[in-house]
Every structure is written in C-alpha cells, then in structure tokens.
PDB file of all heavy atoms in Angstrom:
ATOM      1  N   ALA A   1       7.359  19.687   6.881  1.00  0.00           N
ATOM      2  CA  ALA A   1       8.265  19.971   8.008  1.00  0.00           C
ATOM      3  C   ALA A   1       7.633  19.400   9.259  1.00  0.00           C
ATOM      4  O   ALA A   1       6.553  18.860   9.268  1.00  0.00           O
ATOM      5  CB  ALA A   1       8.541  21.453   8.119  1.00  0.00           C
ATOM      6  N   ALA A   2       8.375  19.577  10.353  1.00  0.00           N
ATOM      7  CA  ALA A   2       7.815  19.140  11.677  1.00  0.00           C
ATOM      8  C   ALA A   2       6.712  20.078  12.078  1.00  0.00           C
ATOM      9  O   ALA A   2       5.731  19.698  12.682  1.00  0.00           O
ATOM     10  CB  ALA A   2       8.942  19.084  12.759  1.00  0.00           C
ATOM     11  N   HIS A   3       6.862  21.379  11.774  1.00  0.00           N
ATOM     12  CA  HIS A   3       5.799  22.365  11.988  1.00  0.00           C
ATOM     13  C   HIS A   3       5.268  22.782  10.710  1.00  0.00           C
ATOM     14  O   HIS A   3       6.005  23.268   9.809  1.00  0.00           O
ATOM     15  CB  HIS A   3       6.384  23.530  12.764  1.00  0.00           C
ATOM     16  CG  HIS A   3       6.850  23.266  14.189  1.00  0.00           C
ATOM     17  ND1 HIS A   3       6.213  23.718  15.235  1.00  0.00           N
ATOM     18  CD2 HIS A   3       7.908  22.517  14.576  1.00  0.00           C
ATOM     19  CE1 HIS A   3       6.826  23.276  16.329  1.00  0.00           C
ATOM     20  NE2 HIS A   3       7.888  22.548  15.966  1.00  0.00           N
ATOM     21  N   ILE A   4       3.953  22.607  10.462  1.00  0.00           N
ATOM     22  CA  ILE A   4       3.349  22.933   9.163  1.00  0.00           C
ATOM     23  C   ILE A   4       2.087  23.795   9.369  1.00  0.00           C
ATOM     24  O   ILE A   4       1.557  23.882  10.453  1.00  0.00           O
ATOM     25  CB  ILE A   4       2.939  21.669   8.406  1.00  0.00           C
ATOM     26  CG1 ILE A   4       1.971  20.759   9.260  1.00  0.00           C
ATOM     27  CG2 ILE A   4       4.149  20.850   8.005  1.00  0.00           C
ATOM     28  CD1 ILE A   4       1.409  19.549   8.538  1.00  0.00           C
ATOM     29  N   GLY A   5       1.727  24.380   8.246  1.00  0.00           N
ATOM     30  CA  GLY A   5       0.433  25.031   8.197  1.00  0.00           C
ATOM     31  C   GLY A   5      -0.572  24.199   7.461  1.00  0.00           C
ATOM     32  O   GLY A   5      -0.225  23.541   6.489  1.00  0.00           O
ATOM     33  N   THR A   6      -1.814  24.170   7.919  1.00  0.00           N
ATOM     34  CA  THR A   6      -2.863  23.452   7.238  1.00  0.00           C
ATOM     35  C   THR A   6      -4.064  24.387   7.087  1.00  0.00           C
ATOM     36  O   THR A   6      -4.058  25.488   7.669  1.00  0.00           O
ATOM     37  CB  THR A   6      -3.331  22.225   8.042  1.00  0.00           C
ATOM     38  OG1 THR A   6      -4.149  22.596   9.166  1.00  0.00           O
ATOM     39  CG2 THR A   6      -2.125  21.396   8.532  1.00  0.00           C
ATOM     40  N   THR A   7      -5.055  23.966   6.340  1.00  0.00           N
ATOM     41  CA  THR A   7      -6.235  24.816   6.159  1.00  0.00           C
ATOM     42  C   THR A   7      -7.015  24.922   7.523  1.00  0.00           C
ATOM     43  O   THR A   7      -7.866  25.785   7.630  1.00  0.00           O
ATOM     44  CB  THR A   7      -7.162  24.225   5.105  1.00  0.00           C
ATOM     45  OG1 THR A   7      -7.388  22.834   5.345  1.00  0.00           O
ATOM     46  CG2 THR A   7      -6.519  24.369   3.730  1.00  0.00           C
ATOM     47  N   ALA A   8      -6.652  24.042   8.427  1.00  0.00           N
ATOM     48  CA  ALA A   8      -7.314  24.133   9.767  1.00  0.00           C
ATOM     49  C   ALA A   8      -6.424  24.914  10.752  1.00  0.00           C
ATOM     50  O   ALA A   8      -6.774  25.032  11.916  1.00  0.00           O
ATOM     51  CB  ALA A   8      -7.505  22.693  10.311  1.00  0.00           C
ATOM     52  N   GLY A   9      -5.255  25.394  10.298  1.00  0.00           N
ATOM     53  CA  GLY A   9      -4.390  26.178  11.152  1.00  0.00           C
ATOM     54  C   GLY A   9      -3.035  25.557  11.258  1.00  0.00           C
ATOM     55  O   GLY A   9      -2.735  24.557  10.601  1.00  0.00           O
ATOM     56  N   GLU A  10      -2.156  26.098  12.113  1.00  0.00           N
ATOM     57  CA  GLU A  10      -0.838  25.568  12.302  1.00  0.00           C
ATOM     58  C   GLU A  10      -0.863  24.260  13.084  1.00  0.00           C
ATOM     59  O   GLU A  10      -1.720  24.079  13.929  1.00  0.00           O
ATOM     60  CB  GLU A  10       0.046  26.572  13.059  1.00  0.00           C
ATOM     61  CG  GLU A  10       0.335  27.833  12.213  1.00  0.00           C
ATOM     62  CD  GLU A  10       1.273  28.798  12.924  1.00  0.00           C
ATOM     63  OE1 GLU A  10       1.687  28.451  13.979  1.00  0.00           O
ATOM     64  OE2 GLU A  10       1.567  29.882  12.324  1.00  0.00           O
ATOM     65  N   ALA A  11       0.089  23.402  12.755  1.00  0.00           N
ATOM     66  CA  ALA A  11       0.065  22.059  13.396  1.00  0.00           C
ATOM     67  C   ALA A  11       1.457  21.453  13.556  1.00  0.00           C
ATOM     68  O   ALA A  11       2.340  21.769  12.687  1.00  0.00           O
ATOM     69  CB  ALA A  11      -0.812  21.065  12.693  1.00  0.00           C
ATOM     70  N   LEU A  12       1.639  20.653  14.534  1.00  0.00           N
ATOM     71  CA  LEU A  12       2.832  19.817  14.633  1.00  0.00           C
ATOM     72  C   LEU A  12       2.516  18.559  13.811  1.00  0.00           C
ATOM     73  O   LEU A  12       1.486  17.942  13.962  1.00  0.00           O
ATOM     74  CB  LEU A  12       3.078  19.445  16.088  1.00  0.00           C
ATOM     75  CG  LEU A  12       3.902  20.315  16.955  1.00  0.00           C
ATOM     76  CD1 LEU A  12       3.863  19.872  18.390  1.00  0.00           C
ATOM     77  CD2 LEU A  12       5.365  20.322  16.444  1.00  0.00           C
ATOM     78  N   ASN A  13       3.466  18.198  12.950  1.00  0.00           N
ATOM     79  CA  ASN A  13       3.265  17.079  12.001  1.00  0.00           C
ATOM     80  C   ASN A  13       3.894  15.786  12.548  1.00  0.00           C
ATOM     81  O   ASN A  13       5.070  15.696  12.656  1.00  0.00           O
ATOM     82  CB  ASN A  13       3.861  17.447  10.603  1.00  0.00           C
ATOM     83  CG  ASN A  13       3.489  16.442   9.578  1.00  0.00           C
ATOM     84  OD1 ASN A  13       2.815  15.478   9.811  1.00  0.00           O
ATOM     85  ND2 ASN A  13       3.972  16.700   8.351  1.00  0.00           N
ATOM     86  N   PHE A  14       3.001  14.835  12.843  1.00  0.00           N
ATOM     87  CA  PHE A  14       3.460  13.529  13.363  1.00  0.00           C
ATOM     88  C   PHE A  14       2.978  12.370  12.504  1.00  0.00           C
ATOM     89  O   PHE A  14       2.815  11.268  12.977  1.00  0.00           O
ATOM     90  CB  PHE A  14       3.036  13.321  14.801  1.00  0.00           C
ATOM     91  CG  PHE A  14       3.912  13.993  15.829  1.00  0.00           C
ATOM     92  CD1 PHE A  14       3.624  15.309  16.227  1.00  0.00           C
ATOM     93  CD2 PHE A  14       5.032  13.383  16.353  1.00  0.00           C
ATOM     94  CE1 PHE A  14       4.453  15.972  17.148  1.00  0.00           C
ATOM     95  CE2 PHE A  14       5.832  13.984  17.256  1.00  0.00           C
ATOM     96  CZ  PHE A  14       5.569  15.334  17.682  1.00  0.00           C
ATOM     97  N   CYS A  15       2.800  12.616  11.210  1.00  0.00           N
ATOM     98  CA  CYS A  15       2.350  11.548  10.309  1.00  0.00           C
ATOM     99  C   CYS A  15       3.086  11.555   8.962  1.00  0.00           C
ATOM    100  O   CYS A  15       2.605  10.920   7.988  1.00  0.00           O
ATOM    101  CB  CYS A  15       0.889  11.590  10.139  1.00  0.00           C
ATOM    102  SG  CYS A  15       0.218  13.089   9.424  1.00  0.00           S
ATOM    103  N   ALA A  16       4.214  12.197   8.844  1.00  0.00           N
ATOM    104  CA  ALA A  16       4.995  12.172   7.612  1.00  0.00           C
ATOM    105  C   ALA A  16       6.104  11.218   7.651  1.00  0.00           C
ATOM    106  O   ALA A  16       6.573  10.790   8.787  1.00  0.00           O
ATOM    107  CB  ALA A  16       5.515  13.584   7.268  1.00  0.00           C
ATOM    108  N   ASN A  17       6.703  10.782   6.501  1.00  0.00           N
ATOM    109  CA  ASN A  17       7.828   9.912   6.485  1.00  0.00           C
ATOM    110  C   ASN A  17       9.102  10.734   6.485  1.00  0.00           C
ATOM    111  O   ASN A  17      10.125  10.243   5.998  1.00  0.00           O
ATOM    112  CB  ASN A  17       7.767   9.086   5.169  1.00  0.00           C
ATOM    113  CG  ASN A  17       6.565   8.161   5.161  1.00  0.00           C
ATOM    114  OD1 ASN A  17       6.208   7.499   6.111  1.00  0.00           O
ATOM    115  ND2 ASN A  17       5.845   8.117   4.009  1.00  0.00           N
ATOM    116  N   ASN A  18       9.075  11.928   7.033  1.00  0.00           N
ATOM    117  CA  ASN A  18      10.216  12.852   7.054  1.00  0.00           C
ATOM    118  C   ASN A  18      11.122  12.479   8.228  1.00  0.00           C
ATOM    119  O   ASN A  18      11.440  13.262   9.127  1.00  0.00           O
ATOM    120  CB  ASN A  18       9.694  14.274   7.185  1.00  0.00           C
ATOM    121  CG  ASN A  18      10.771  15.283   7.003  1.00  0.00           C
ATOM    122  OD1 ASN A  18      11.840  15.039   6.423  1.00  0.00           O
ATOM    123  ND2 ASN A  18      10.518  16.477   7.537  1.00  0.00           N
ATOM    124  N   TYR A  19      11.661  11.238   8.208  1.00  0.00           N
ATOM    125  CA  TYR A  19      12.350  10.642   9.375  1.00  0.00           C
ATOM    126  C   TYR A  19      13.511  11.479   9.812  1.00  0.00           C
ATOM    127  O   TYR A  19      13.750  11.689  11.010  1.00  0.00           O
ATOM    128  CB  TYR A  19      12.754   9.235   9.083  1.00  0.00           C
ATOM    129  CG  TYR A  19      11.637   8.280   8.904  1.00  0.00           C
ATOM    130  CD1 TYR A  19      11.402   7.682   7.635  1.00  0.00           C
ATOM    131  CD2 TYR A  19      10.841   7.961   9.941  1.00  0.00           C
ATOM    132  CE1 TYR A  19      10.365   6.792   7.478  1.00  0.00           C
ATOM    133  CE2 TYR A  19       9.733   7.058   9.800  1.00  0.00           C
ATOM    134  CZ  TYR A  19       9.545   6.475   8.527  1.00  0.00           C
ATOM    135  OH  TYR A  19       8.508   5.604   8.363  1.00  0.00           O
ATOM    136  N   LEU A  20      14.321  11.975   8.887  1.00  0.00           N
ATOM    137  CA  LEU A  20      15.595  12.689   9.240  1.00  0.00           C
ATOM    138  C   LEU A  20      15.410  14.199   9.142  1.00  0.00           C
ATOM    139  O   LEU A  20      16.327  14.983   9.408  1.00  0.00           O
ATOM    140  CB  LEU A  20      16.707  12.195   8.358  1.00  0.00           C
ATOM    141  CG  LEU A  20      17.127  10.777   8.467  1.00  0.00           C
ATOM    142  CD1 LEU A  20      18.150  10.379   7.454  1.00  0.00           C
ATOM    143  CD2 LEU A  20      17.576  10.489   9.950  1.00  0.00           C
ATOM    144  N   GLY A  21      14.208  14.638   8.834  1.00  0.00           N
ATOM    145  CA  GLY A  21      13.955  16.080   8.683  1.00  0.00           C
ATOM    146  C   GLY A  21      14.590  16.732   7.464  1.00  0.00           C
ATOM    147  O   GLY A  21      14.793  17.931   7.438  1.00  0.00           O
ATOM    148  N   PHE A  22      14.795  15.903   6.451  1.00  0.00           N
ATOM    149  CA  PHE A  22      15.497  16.419   5.224  1.00  0.00           C
ATOM    150  C   PHE A  22      14.555  17.114   4.249  1.00  0.00           C
ATOM    151  O   PHE A  22      14.998  17.678   3.279  1.00  0.00           O
ATOM    152  CB  PHE A  22      16.304  15.301   4.575  1.00  0.00           C
ATOM    153  CG  PHE A  22      17.535  14.874   5.331  1.00  0.00           C
ATOM    154  CD1 PHE A  22      18.182  13.738   4.901  1.00  0.00           C
ATOM    155  CD2 PHE A  22      17.968  15.563   6.441  1.00  0.00           C
ATOM    156  CE1 PHE A  22      19.319  13.308   5.576  1.00  0.00           C
ATOM    157  CE2 PHE A  22      19.100  15.118   7.116  1.00  0.00           C
ATOM    158  CZ  PHE A  22      19.778  14.022   6.717  1.00  0.00           C
ATOM    159  N   SER A  23      13.226  16.924   4.409  1.00  0.00           N
ATOM    160  CA  SER A  23      12.306  17.478   3.382  1.00  0.00           C
ATOM    161  C   SER A  23      12.413  18.961   3.261  1.00  0.00           C
ATOM    162  O   SER A  23      12.216  19.472   2.170  1.00  0.00           O
ATOM    163  CB  SER A  23      10.843  17.145   3.827  1.00  0.00           C
ATOM    164  OG  SER A  23      10.595  15.680   3.704  1.00  0.00           O
ATOM    165  N   ASP A  24      12.766  19.668   4.346  1.00  0.00           N
ATOM    166  CA  ASP A  24      12.988  21.065   4.261  1.00  0.00           C
ATOM    167  C   ASP A  24      14.371  21.492   4.745  1.00  0.00           C
ATOM    168  O   ASP A  24      14.615  22.642   5.181  1.00  0.00           O
ATOM    169  CB  ASP A  24      11.891  21.823   5.075  1.00  0.00           C
ATOM    170  CG  ASP A  24      12.013  21.609   6.531  1.00  0.00           C
ATOM    171  OD1 ASP A  24      12.521  20.518   6.909  1.00  0.00           O
ATOM    172  OD2 ASP A  24      11.581  22.485   7.338  1.00  0.00           O
ATOM    173  N   HIS A  25      15.319  20.550   4.634  1.00  0.00           N
ATOM    174  CA  HIS A  25      16.677  20.844   5.079  1.00  0.00           C
ATOM    175  C   HIS A  25      17.314  21.857   4.129  1.00  0.00           C
ATOM    176  O   HIS A  25      17.265  21.701   2.902  1.00  0.00           O
ATOM    177  CB  HIS A  25      17.508  19.576   5.080  1.00  0.00           C
ATOM    178  CG  HIS A  25      18.844  19.678   5.776  1.00  0.00           C
ATOM    179  ND1 HIS A  25      19.881  20.425   5.331  1.00  0.00           N
ATOM    180  CD2 HIS A  25      19.255  19.204   6.987  1.00  0.00           C
ATOM    181  CE1 HIS A  25      20.932  20.346   6.112  1.00  0.00           C
ATOM    182  NE2 HIS A  25      20.539  19.601   7.166  1.00  0.00           N
ATOM    183  N   PRO A  26      17.937  22.944   4.641  1.00  0.00           N
ATOM    184  CA  PRO A  26      18.409  24.015   3.796  1.00  0.00           C
ATOM    185  C   PRO A  26      19.404  23.516   2.793  1.00  0.00           C
ATOM    186  O   PRO A  26      19.479  24.035   1.626  1.00  0.00           O
ATOM    187  CB  PRO A  26      18.999  25.006   4.720  1.00  0.00           C
ATOM    188  CG  PRO A  26      19.133  24.275   6.058  1.00  0.00           C
ATOM    189  CD  PRO A  26      18.081  23.299   6.072  1.00  0.00           C
ATOM    190  N   GLU A  27      20.284  22.596   3.150  1.00  0.00           N
ATOM    191  CA  GLU A  27      21.305  22.117   2.170  1.00  0.00           C
ATOM    192  C   GLU A  27      20.701  21.281   1.063  1.00  0.00           C
ATOM    193  O   GLU A  27      21.116  21.320  -0.125  1.00  0.00           O
ATOM    194  CB  GLU A  27      22.399  21.299   2.902  1.00  0.00           C
ATOM    195  CG  GLU A  27      23.248  22.123   3.827  1.00  0.00           C
ATOM    196  CD  GLU A  27      24.351  21.329   4.420  1.00  0.00           C
ATOM    197  OE1 GLU A  27      24.998  20.528   3.708  1.00  0.00           O
ATOM    198  OE2 GLU A  27      24.629  21.433   5.637  1.00  0.00           O
ATOM    199  N   VAL A  28      19.665  20.490   1.403  1.00  0.00           N
ATOM    200  CA  VAL A  28      18.938  19.702   0.348  1.00  0.00           C
ATOM    201  C   VAL A  28      18.246  20.660  -0.600  1.00  0.00           C
ATOM    202  O   VAL A  28      18.283  20.468  -1.843  1.00  0.00           O
ATOM    203  CB  VAL A  28      17.991  18.744   1.032  1.00  0.00           C
ATOM    204  CG1 VAL A  28      17.149  18.000  -0.017  1.00  0.00           C
ATOM    205  CG2 VAL A  28      18.713  17.734   1.886  1.00  0.00           C
ATOM    206  N   ILE A  29      17.539  21.669  -0.025  1.00  0.00           N
ATOM    207  CA  ILE A  29      16.837  22.626  -0.868  1.00  0.00           C
ATOM    208  C   ILE A  29      17.821  23.386  -1.754  1.00  0.00           C
ATOM    209  O   ILE A  29      17.573  23.596  -3.002  1.00  0.00           O
ATOM    210  CB  ILE A  29      16.052  23.592  -0.009  1.00  0.00           C
ATOM    211  CG1 ILE A  29      14.908  22.823   0.716  1.00  0.00           C
ATOM    212  CG2 ILE A  29      15.481  24.738  -0.818  1.00  0.00           C
ATOM    213  CD1 ILE A  29      14.193  23.691   1.759  1.00  0.00           C
ATOM    214  N   ALA A  30      18.960  23.762  -1.240  1.00  0.00           N
ATOM    215  CA  ALA A  30      19.933  24.548  -1.992  1.00  0.00           C
ATOM    216  C   ALA A  30      20.486  23.679  -3.162  1.00  0.00           C
ATOM    217  O   ALA A  30      20.691  24.189  -4.227  1.00  0.00           O
ATOM    218  CB  ALA A  30      21.083  25.015  -1.073  1.00  0.00           C
ATOM    219  N   ALA A  31      20.772  22.447  -2.890  1.00  0.00           N
ATOM    220  CA  ALA A  31      21.270  21.533  -3.965  1.00  0.00           C
ATOM    221  C   ALA A  31      20.238  21.394  -5.027  1.00  0.00           C
ATOM    222  O   ALA A  31      20.625  21.391  -6.228  1.00  0.00           O
ATOM    223  CB  ALA A  31      21.661  20.169  -3.358  1.00  0.00           C
ATOM    224  N   SER A  32      18.986  21.238  -4.692  1.00  0.00           N
ATOM    225  CA  SER A  32      17.924  21.069  -5.648  1.00  0.00           C
ATOM    226  C   SER A  32      17.746  22.368  -6.498  1.00  0.00           C
ATOM    227  O   SER A  32      17.563  22.323  -7.733  1.00  0.00           O
ATOM    228  CB  SER A  32      16.627  20.664  -4.979  1.00  0.00           C
ATOM    229  OG  SER A  32      15.586  20.429  -5.897  1.00  0.00           O
ATOM    230  N   LYS A  33      17.777  23.510  -5.806  1.00  0.00           N
ATOM    231  CA  LYS A  33      17.726  24.790  -6.510  1.00  0.00           C
ATOM    232  C   LYS A  33      18.840  24.957  -7.558  1.00  0.00           C
ATOM    233  O   LYS A  33      18.628  25.349  -8.694  1.00  0.00           O
ATOM    234  CB  LYS A  33      17.724  25.953  -5.520  1.00  0.00           C
ATOM    235  CG  LYS A  33      16.408  26.196  -4.794  1.00  0.00           C
ATOM    236  CD  LYS A  33      16.581  27.417  -3.882  1.00  0.00           C
ATOM    237  CE  LYS A  33      15.263  27.710  -3.175  1.00  0.00           C
ATOM    238  NZ  LYS A  33      15.469  28.900  -2.273  1.00  0.00           N
ATOM    239  N   ALA A  34      20.042  24.647  -7.098  1.00  0.00           N
ATOM    240  CA  ALA A  34      21.232  24.777  -7.994  1.00  0.00           C
ATOM    241  C   ALA A  34      21.086  23.851  -9.215  1.00  0.00           C
ATOM    242  O   ALA A  34      21.459  24.217 -10.327  1.00  0.00           O
ATOM    243  CB  ALA A  34      22.481  24.459  -7.223  1.00  0.00           C
ATOM    244  N   ALA A  35      20.453  22.705  -9.013  1.00  0.00           N
ATOM    245  CA  ALA A  35      20.341  21.752 -10.103  1.00  0.00           C
ATOM    246  C   ALA A  35      19.387  22.271 -11.167  1.00  0.00           C
ATOM    247  O   ALA A  35      19.538  21.909 -12.363  1.00  0.00           O
ATOM    248  CB  ALA A  35      19.845  20.418  -9.567  1.00  0.00           C
ATOM    249  N   LEU A  36      18.419  23.087 -10.845  1.00  0.00           N
ATOM    250  CA  LEU A  36      17.526  23.707 -11.830  1.00  0.00           C
ATOM    251  C   LEU A  36      18.282  24.487 -12.802  1.00  0.00           C
ATOM    252  O   LEU A  36      18.027  24.483 -14.000  1.00  0.00           O
ATOM    253  CB  LEU A  36      16.442  24.488 -11.119  1.00  0.00           C
ATOM    254  CG  LEU A  36      15.407  23.741 -10.332  1.00  0.00           C
ATOM    255  CD1 LEU A  36      14.489  24.693  -9.603  1.00  0.00           C
ATOM    256  CD2 LEU A  36      14.569  22.877 -11.214  1.00  0.00           C
ATOM    257  N   ASP A  37      19.252  25.301 -12.314  1.00  0.00           N
ATOM    258  CA  ASP A  37      20.085  26.121 -13.206  1.00  0.00           C
ATOM    259  C   ASP A  37      21.094  25.311 -14.023  1.00  0.00           C
ATOM    260  O   ASP A  37      21.324  25.596 -15.228  1.00  0.00           O
ATOM    261  CB  ASP A  37      20.849  27.153 -12.414  1.00  0.00           C
ATOM    262  CG  ASP A  37      19.938  28.205 -11.802  1.00  0.00           C
ATOM    263  OD1 ASP A  37      18.866  28.519 -12.406  1.00  0.00           O
ATOM    264  OD2 ASP A  37      20.288  28.752 -10.725  1.00  0.00           O
ATOM    265  N   ILE A  38      21.601  24.262 -13.397  1.00  0.00           N
ATOM    266  CA  ILE A  38      22.660  23.415 -14.070  1.00  0.00           C
ATOM    267  C   ILE A  38      22.075  22.384 -15.019  1.00  0.00           C
ATOM    268  O   ILE A  38      22.549  22.222 -16.152  1.00  0.00           O
ATOM    269  CB  ILE A  38      23.538  22.774 -13.003  1.00  0.00           C
ATOM    270  CG1 ILE A  38      24.240  23.824 -12.143  1.00  0.00           C
ATOM    271  CG2 ILE A  38      24.574  21.822 -13.681  1.00  0.00           C
ATOM    272  CD1 ILE A  38      24.978  23.255 -10.906  1.00  0.00           C
ATOM    273  N   TRP A  39      21.031  21.659 -14.525  1.00  0.00           N
ATOM    274  CA  TRP A  39      20.517  20.526 -15.234  1.00  0.00           C
ATOM    275  C   TRP A  39      19.110  20.692 -15.836  1.00  0.00           C
ATOM    276  O   TRP A  39      18.662  19.831 -16.583  1.00  0.00           O
ATOM    277  CB  TRP A  39      20.482  19.305 -14.304  1.00  0.00           C
ATOM    278  CG  TRP A  39      21.807  18.948 -13.797  1.00  0.00           C
ATOM    279  CD1 TRP A  39      22.289  19.101 -12.489  1.00  0.00           C
ATOM    280  CD2 TRP A  39      22.830  18.217 -14.459  1.00  0.00           C
ATOM    281  NE1 TRP A  39      23.579  18.640 -12.357  1.00  0.00           N
ATOM    282  CE2 TRP A  39      23.960  18.027 -13.552  1.00  0.00           C
ATOM    283  CE3 TRP A  39      22.996  17.733 -15.778  1.00  0.00           C
ATOM    284  CZ2 TRP A  39      25.085  17.397 -13.932  1.00  0.00           C
ATOM    285  CZ3 TRP A  39      24.160  17.081 -16.148  1.00  0.00           C
ATOM    286  CH2 TRP A  39      25.210  16.932 -15.252  1.00  0.00           C
ATOM    287  N   GLY A  40      18.431  21.792 -15.492  1.00  0.00           N
ATOM    288  CA  GLY A  40      17.074  22.003 -16.018  1.00  0.00           C
ATOM    289  C   GLY A  40      16.012  21.442 -15.144  1.00  0.00           C
ATOM    290  O   GLY A  40      16.218  20.857 -14.081  1.00  0.00           O
TER     291      GLY A  40
END
C-alpha cells in the first residue's frame, strides 16, 4: 500500500509499482476472495 509497516517501523512507500493503488483496493481484494470460493 502507500502506507506500509516494515520491520523498521511504519513508512510511506515510494518504491512500489503500485501505480494506481490497486494492490490493496477493496474491490480487487473482494473479487480475488470470491474467486477462491468459485474457482479454487
């Protein structure tokens, strides 16, 4: 995410390829969770 925890403490993340912020987007996560039940 943009705000992450690390072993050195909390940090603002400015080095990920998370351009659109979708890595932790609730709709993306929900779709992936639903797929576990439907598709395995």
